[in-house]
Amino acid sequence: MTRSVVWTVLFGVIAGILQSVVRERIPFLKIVPDLALCVIVFSAYVNGTMPGQIGGFFSGLLLDFLSFAPLGLNCLTRTIIGALAGLFKGALFLDIIFMPAILCALATIIKALIVLLLHLLIGPAIPLVYLHTPSVFLIELGLNAVCAPLIFLLLRNFKPIMVGRGK
């Protein structure tokens, strides 16, 4: 389990850095897919709930330091998403296109709902990035759904090192 968590965090941080670089270097792309979220969903789906939670927690913590989000926001959202995505381990057949898109689209919706709930509970300390303009949320939802099959296909090549022992 430790090996799968370490690789999940590593790939999640690489994906987070990649999406940050794309956002900064290409000025007309203000909305980019959440590649790190797709990595967490893949890892949780193949490894289960506990590695999904732990991988989501640590990659979210590192992403909190890379972003302007309040400390702990990415950590919390990715821990919850890792736990929920891990529930689907062995329950669904993972085809090459539709299931990755559906799982990552659901994860994007859950992430937005968590941010909304935290904003309602805590107030303006949690920014409502998604709900100021619903088009931003819908574009990110679409980008995540389109990129998910590609990320899952890429990560399948690393499945021997990302899956814990005895799997």
C-alpha atoms as a PDB file:
ATOM      1  CA  MET A   1       0.000   0.000   0.000  1.00  0.00           C
ATOM      2  CA  THR A   2       2.842   2.390   0.764  1.00  0.00           C
ATOM      3  CA  ARG A   3       4.273   2.045  -2.716  1.00  0.00           C
ATOM      4  CA  SER A   4       0.918   2.781  -4.369  1.00  0.00           C
ATOM      5  CA  VAL A   5       0.401   5.853  -2.176  1.00  0.00           C
ATOM      6  CA  VAL A   6       3.895   7.188  -2.931  1.00  0.00           C
ATOM      7  CA  TRP A   7       3.402   6.777  -6.679  1.00  0.00           C
ATOM      8  CA  THR A   8      -0.087   8.306  -6.489  1.00  0.00           C
ATOM      9  CA  VAL A   9       1.266  11.361  -4.675  1.00  0.00           C
ATOM     10  CA  LEU A  10       4.167  11.623  -7.112  1.00  0.00           C
ATOM     11  CA  PHE A  11       1.946  11.429 -10.194  1.00  0.00           C
ATOM     12  CA  GLY A  12      -0.616  13.751  -8.574  1.00  0.00           C
ATOM     13  CA  VAL A  13       2.020  16.390  -7.857  1.00  0.00           C
ATOM     14  CA  ILE A  14       3.484  16.070 -11.373  1.00  0.00           C
ATOM     15  CA  ALA A  15      -0.017  16.520 -12.793  1.00  0.00           C
ATOM     16  CA  GLY A  16      -0.626  19.518 -10.499  1.00  0.00           C
ATOM     17  CA  ILE A  17       2.630  21.151 -11.584  1.00  0.00           C
ATOM     18  CA  LEU A  18       1.815  20.443 -15.231  1.00  0.00           C
ATOM     19  CA  GLN A  19      -1.620  22.041 -14.992  1.00  0.00           C
ATOM     20  CA  SER A  20      -0.138  25.060 -13.174  1.00  0.00           C
ATOM     21  CA  VAL A  21       2.513  25.502 -15.863  1.00  0.00           C
ATOM     22  CA  VAL A  22      -0.076  25.229 -18.643  1.00  0.00           C
ATOM     23  CA  ARG A  23      -2.265  27.820 -16.914  1.00  0.00           C
ATOM     24  CA  GLU A  24       0.660  30.249 -16.527  1.00  0.00           C
ATOM     25  CA  ARG A  25       2.362  29.761 -19.906  1.00  0.00           C
ATOM     26  CA  ILE A  26      -0.678  29.840 -22.172  1.00  0.00           C
ATOM     27  CA  PRO A  27      -2.437  33.141 -21.483  1.00  0.00           C
ATOM     28  CA  PHE A  28      -5.698  32.358 -23.270  1.00  0.00           C
ATOM     29  CA  LEU A  29      -6.195  29.128 -21.309  1.00  0.00           C
ATOM     30  CA  LYS A  30      -7.516  30.313 -17.963  1.00  0.00           C
ATOM     31  CA  ILE A  31      -9.388  27.060 -17.412  1.00  0.00           C
ATOM     32  CA  VAL A  32      -7.403  23.831 -17.525  1.00  0.00           C
ATOM     33  CA  PRO A  33      -8.414  20.277 -16.678  1.00  0.00           C
ATOM     34  CA  ASP A  34      -7.734  19.080 -13.159  1.00  0.00           C
ATOM     35  CA  LEU A  35      -5.221  16.403 -14.105  1.00  0.00           C
ATOM     36  CA  ALA A  36      -4.288  15.711 -10.484  1.00  0.00           C
ATOM     37  CA  LEU A  37      -7.914  14.911  -9.687  1.00  0.00           C
ATOM     38  CA  CYS A  38      -7.980  12.353 -12.507  1.00  0.00           C
ATOM     39  CA  VAL A  39      -4.807  10.751 -11.127  1.00  0.00           C
ATOM     40  CA  ILE A  40      -6.431  10.423  -7.690  1.00  0.00           C
ATOM     41  CA  VAL A  41      -9.571   8.895  -9.204  1.00  0.00           C
ATOM     42  CA  PHE A  42      -7.523   6.357 -11.186  1.00  0.00           C
ATOM     43  CA  SER A  43      -5.407   5.377  -8.205  1.00  0.00           C
ATOM     44  CA  ALA A  44      -8.388   5.058  -5.888  1.00  0.00           C
ATOM     45  CA  TYR A  45     -10.259   3.000  -8.468  1.00  0.00           C
ATOM     46  CA  VAL A  46      -7.434   0.469  -8.874  1.00  0.00           C
ATOM     47  CA  ASN A  47      -6.228   0.426  -5.235  1.00  0.00           C
ATOM     48  CA  GLY A  48      -9.335   0.966  -3.123  1.00  0.00           C
ATOM     49  CA  THR A  49     -10.563   3.380  -0.479  1.00  0.00           C
ATOM     50  CA  MET A  50      -7.646   3.615   1.952  1.00  0.00           C
ATOM     51  CA  PRO A  51      -4.870   4.192  -0.620  1.00  0.00           C
ATOM     52  CA  GLY A  52      -7.229   6.605  -2.397  1.00  0.00           C
ATOM     53  CA  GLN A  53      -7.759   8.602   0.777  1.00  0.00           C
ATOM     54  CA  ILE A  54      -4.106   8.674   1.739  1.00  0.00           C
ATOM     55  CA  GLY A  55      -2.952   9.500  -1.786  1.00  0.00           C
ATOM     56  CA  GLY A  56      -5.621  12.187  -2.061  1.00  0.00           C
ATOM     57  CA  PHE A  57      -4.619  13.671   1.273  1.00  0.00           C
ATOM     58  CA  PHE A  58      -0.898  13.957   0.556  1.00  0.00           C
ATOM     59  CA  SER A  59      -1.218  15.057  -3.064  1.00  0.00           C
ATOM     60  CA  GLY A  60      -3.859  17.587  -1.993  1.00  0.00           C
ATOM     61  CA  LEU A  61      -1.551  18.862   0.734  1.00  0.00           C
ATOM     62  CA  LEU A  62       1.261  19.359  -1.749  1.00  0.00           C
ATOM     63  CA  LEU A  63      -1.132  21.019  -4.200  1.00  0.00           C
ATOM     64  CA  ASP A  64      -2.253  23.364  -1.416  1.00  0.00           C
ATOM     65  CA  PHE A  65       1.313  24.622  -1.213  1.00  0.00           C
ATOM     66  CA  LEU A  66       1.443  25.073  -5.011  1.00  0.00           C
ATOM     67  CA  SER A  67      -1.828  26.976  -5.310  1.00  0.00           C
ATOM     68  CA  PHE A  68      -3.476  30.039  -3.845  1.00  0.00           C
ATOM     69  CA  ALA A  69      -6.240  27.960  -2.290  1.00  0.00           C
ATOM     70  CA  PRO A  70      -6.692  28.079   1.483  1.00  0.00           C
ATOM     71  CA  LEU A  71      -4.428  25.553   3.175  1.00  0.00           C
ATOM     72  CA  GLY A  72      -6.275  22.279   3.502  1.00  0.00           C
ATOM     73  CA  LEU A  73      -8.935  22.855   0.830  1.00  0.00           C
ATOM     74  CA  ASN A  74      -7.335  20.609  -1.812  1.00  0.00           C
ATOM     75  CA  CYS A  75      -6.346  18.215   0.926  1.00  0.00           C
ATOM     76  CA  LEU A  76      -9.928  17.805   2.148  1.00  0.00           C
ATOM     77  CA  THR A  77     -11.573  17.614  -1.262  1.00  0.00           C
ATOM     78  CA  ARG A  78      -9.093  15.085  -2.651  1.00  0.00           C
ATOM     79  CA  THR A  79      -9.282  12.929   0.480  1.00  0.00           C
ATOM     80  CA  ILE A  80     -13.062  12.703   0.173  1.00  0.00           C
ATOM     81  CA  ILE A  81     -12.891  12.084  -3.578  1.00  0.00           C
ATOM     82  CA  GLY A  82     -10.210   9.419  -3.100  1.00  0.00           C
ATOM     83  CA  ALA A  83     -12.408   7.654  -0.558  1.00  0.00           C
ATOM     84  CA  LEU A  84     -15.502   7.802  -2.758  1.00  0.00           C
ATOM     85  CA  ALA A  85     -13.679   6.710  -5.917  1.00  0.00           C
ATOM     86  CA  GLY A  86     -12.152   3.818  -3.988  1.00  0.00           C
ATOM     87  CA  LEU A  87     -15.648   2.486  -3.310  1.00  0.00           C
ATOM     88  CA  PHE A  88     -15.923   1.682  -7.032  1.00  0.00           C
ATOM     89  CA  LYS A  89     -12.946  -0.696  -6.937  1.00  0.00           C
ATOM     90  CA  GLY A  90     -14.088  -3.970  -8.448  1.00  0.00           C
ATOM     91  CA  ALA A  91     -17.686  -2.779  -8.651  1.00  0.00           C
ATOM     92  CA  LEU A  92     -17.580  -1.436 -12.211  1.00  0.00           C
ATOM     93  CA  PHE A  93     -15.979  -2.582 -15.417  1.00  0.00           C
ATOM     94  CA  LEU A  94     -13.491   0.073 -16.443  1.00  0.00           C
ATOM     95  CA  ASP A  95     -13.749   0.473 -20.194  1.00  0.00           C
ATOM     96  CA  ILE A  96     -11.338   2.677 -22.050  1.00  0.00           C
ATOM     97  CA  ILE A  97     -13.503   5.760 -22.649  1.00  0.00           C
ATOM     98  CA  PHE A  98     -16.804   6.045 -20.836  1.00  0.00           C
ATOM     99  CA  MET A  99     -16.088   4.981 -17.264  1.00  0.00           C
ATOM    100  CA  PRO A 100     -12.999   7.194 -16.826  1.00  0.00           C
ATOM    101  CA  ALA A 101     -14.980  10.137 -18.194  1.00  0.00           C
ATOM    102  CA  ILE A 102     -17.944   9.420 -15.923  1.00  0.00           C
ATOM    103  CA  LEU A 103     -15.789   8.865 -12.815  1.00  0.00           C
ATOM    104  CA  CYS A 104     -13.786  12.066 -13.336  1.00  0.00           C
ATOM    105  CA  ALA A 105     -16.915  14.064 -14.168  1.00  0.00           C
ATOM    106  CA  LEU A 106     -18.497  12.847 -10.926  1.00  0.00           C
ATOM    107  CA  ALA A 107     -15.318  13.722  -9.034  1.00  0.00           C
ATOM    108  CA  THR A 108     -15.415  17.244 -10.513  1.00  0.00           C
ATOM    109  CA  ILE A 109     -19.054  17.658  -9.441  1.00  0.00           C
ATOM    110  CA  ILE A 110     -18.253  16.375  -5.939  1.00  0.00           C
ATOM    111  CA  LYS A 111     -15.300  18.771  -5.712  1.00  0.00           C
ATOM    112  CA  ALA A 112     -17.569  21.701  -6.612  1.00  0.00           C
ATOM    113  CA  LEU A 113     -20.207  20.590  -4.093  1.00  0.00           C
ATOM    114  CA  ILE A 114     -17.600  20.316  -1.325  1.00  0.00           C
ATOM    115  CA  VAL A 115     -16.334  23.826  -2.105  1.00  0.00           C
ATOM    116  CA  LEU A 116     -19.919  25.144  -2.097  1.00  0.00           C
ATOM    117  CA  LEU A 117     -20.692  23.440   1.216  1.00  0.00           C
ATOM    118  CA  LEU A 118     -17.503  24.787   2.795  1.00  0.00           C
ATOM    119  CA  HIS A 119     -18.283  28.267   1.480  1.00  0.00           C
ATOM    120  CA  LEU A 120     -21.740  28.095   3.038  1.00  0.00           C
ATOM    121  CA  LEU A 121     -20.325  26.875   6.359  1.00  0.00           C
ATOM    122  CA  ILE A 122     -17.188  28.998   6.620  1.00  0.00           C
ATOM    123  CA  GLY A 123     -17.937  31.981   4.422  1.00  0.00           C
ATOM    124  CA  PRO A 124     -15.700  34.066   2.194  1.00  0.00           C
ATOM    125  CA  ALA A 125     -12.509  32.337   3.368  1.00  0.00           C
ATOM    126  CA  ILE A 126     -13.381  29.646   0.815  1.00  0.00           C
ATOM    127  CA  PRO A 127     -13.605  31.217  -2.657  1.00  0.00           C
ATOM    128  CA  LEU A 128     -16.461  30.211  -4.908  1.00  0.00           C
ATOM    129  CA  VAL A 129     -14.444  29.761  -8.065  1.00  0.00           C
ATOM    130  CA  TYR A 130     -17.034  27.530  -9.714  1.00  0.00           C
ATOM    131  CA  LEU A 131     -20.234  29.314  -8.865  1.00  0.00           C
ATOM    132  CA  HIS A 132     -19.339  32.881  -9.830  1.00  0.00           C
ATOM    133  CA  THR A 133     -19.582  31.745 -13.435  1.00  0.00           C
ATOM    134  CA  PRO A 134     -21.262  28.415 -14.097  1.00  0.00           C
ATOM    135  CA  SER A 135     -19.593  28.327 -17.503  1.00  0.00           C
ATOM    136  CA  VAL A 136     -16.186  27.949 -15.798  1.00  0.00           C
ATOM    137  CA  PHE A 137     -17.453  24.894 -13.947  1.00  0.00           C
ATOM    138  CA  LEU A 138     -19.027  23.401 -17.066  1.00  0.00           C
ATOM    139  CA  ILE A 139     -15.875  23.935 -19.106  1.00  0.00           C
ATOM    140  CA  GLU A 140     -13.709  22.290 -16.430  1.00  0.00           C
ATOM    141  CA  LEU A 141     -16.227  19.461 -16.147  1.00  0.00           C
ATOM    142  CA  GLY A 142     -16.024  18.898 -19.899  1.00  0.00           C
ATOM    143  CA  LEU A 143     -12.234  19.142 -19.967  1.00  0.00           C
ATOM    144  CA  ASN A 144     -11.905  16.645 -17.118  1.00  0.00           C
ATOM    145  CA  ALA A 145     -14.295  14.235 -18.843  1.00  0.00           C
ATOM    146  CA  VAL A 146     -12.392  14.508 -22.133  1.00  0.00           C
ATOM    147  CA  CYS A 147      -8.924  14.224 -20.555  1.00  0.00           C
ATOM    148  CA  ALA A 148      -9.820  11.373 -18.189  1.00  0.00           C
ATOM    149  CA  PRO A 149      -9.616   8.541 -20.766  1.00  0.00           C
ATOM    150  CA  LEU A 150      -6.216   9.818 -21.894  1.00  0.00           C
ATOM    151  CA  ILE A 151      -4.899  10.031 -18.333  1.00  0.00           C
ATOM    152  CA  PHE A 152      -6.280   6.590 -17.455  1.00  0.00           C
ATOM    153  CA  LEU A 153      -4.700   5.157 -20.599  1.00  0.00           C
ATOM    154  CA  LEU A 154      -1.368   6.735 -19.691  1.00  0.00           C
ATOM    155  CA  LEU A 155      -1.536   5.587 -16.074  1.00  0.00           C
ATOM    156  CA  ARG A 156      -2.396   2.021 -17.091  1.00  0.00           C
ATOM    157  CA  ASN A 157       1.184   1.805 -18.347  1.00  0.00           C
ATOM    158  CA  PHE A 158       2.304   2.485 -14.760  1.00  0.00           C
ATOM    159  CA  LYS A 159      -0.248   0.154 -13.173  1.00  0.00           C
ATOM    160  CA  PRO A 160       2.383  -2.398 -12.023  1.00  0.00           C
ATOM    161  CA  ILE A 161       4.039   0.231  -9.815  1.00  0.00           C
ATOM    162  CA  MET A 162       0.822   2.027  -8.790  1.00  0.00           C
ATOM    163  CA  VAL A 163      -1.059  -1.043  -7.598  1.00  0.00           C
ATOM    164  CA  GLY A 164      -0.294  -2.311  -4.132  1.00  0.00           C
ATOM    165  CA  ARG A 165       0.987  -5.840  -3.489  1.00  0.00           C
ATOM    166  CA  GLY A 166      -1.412  -8.704  -3.605  1.00  0.00           C
ATOM    167  CA  LYS A 167      -3.691  -7.004  -6.092  1.00  0.00           C
END
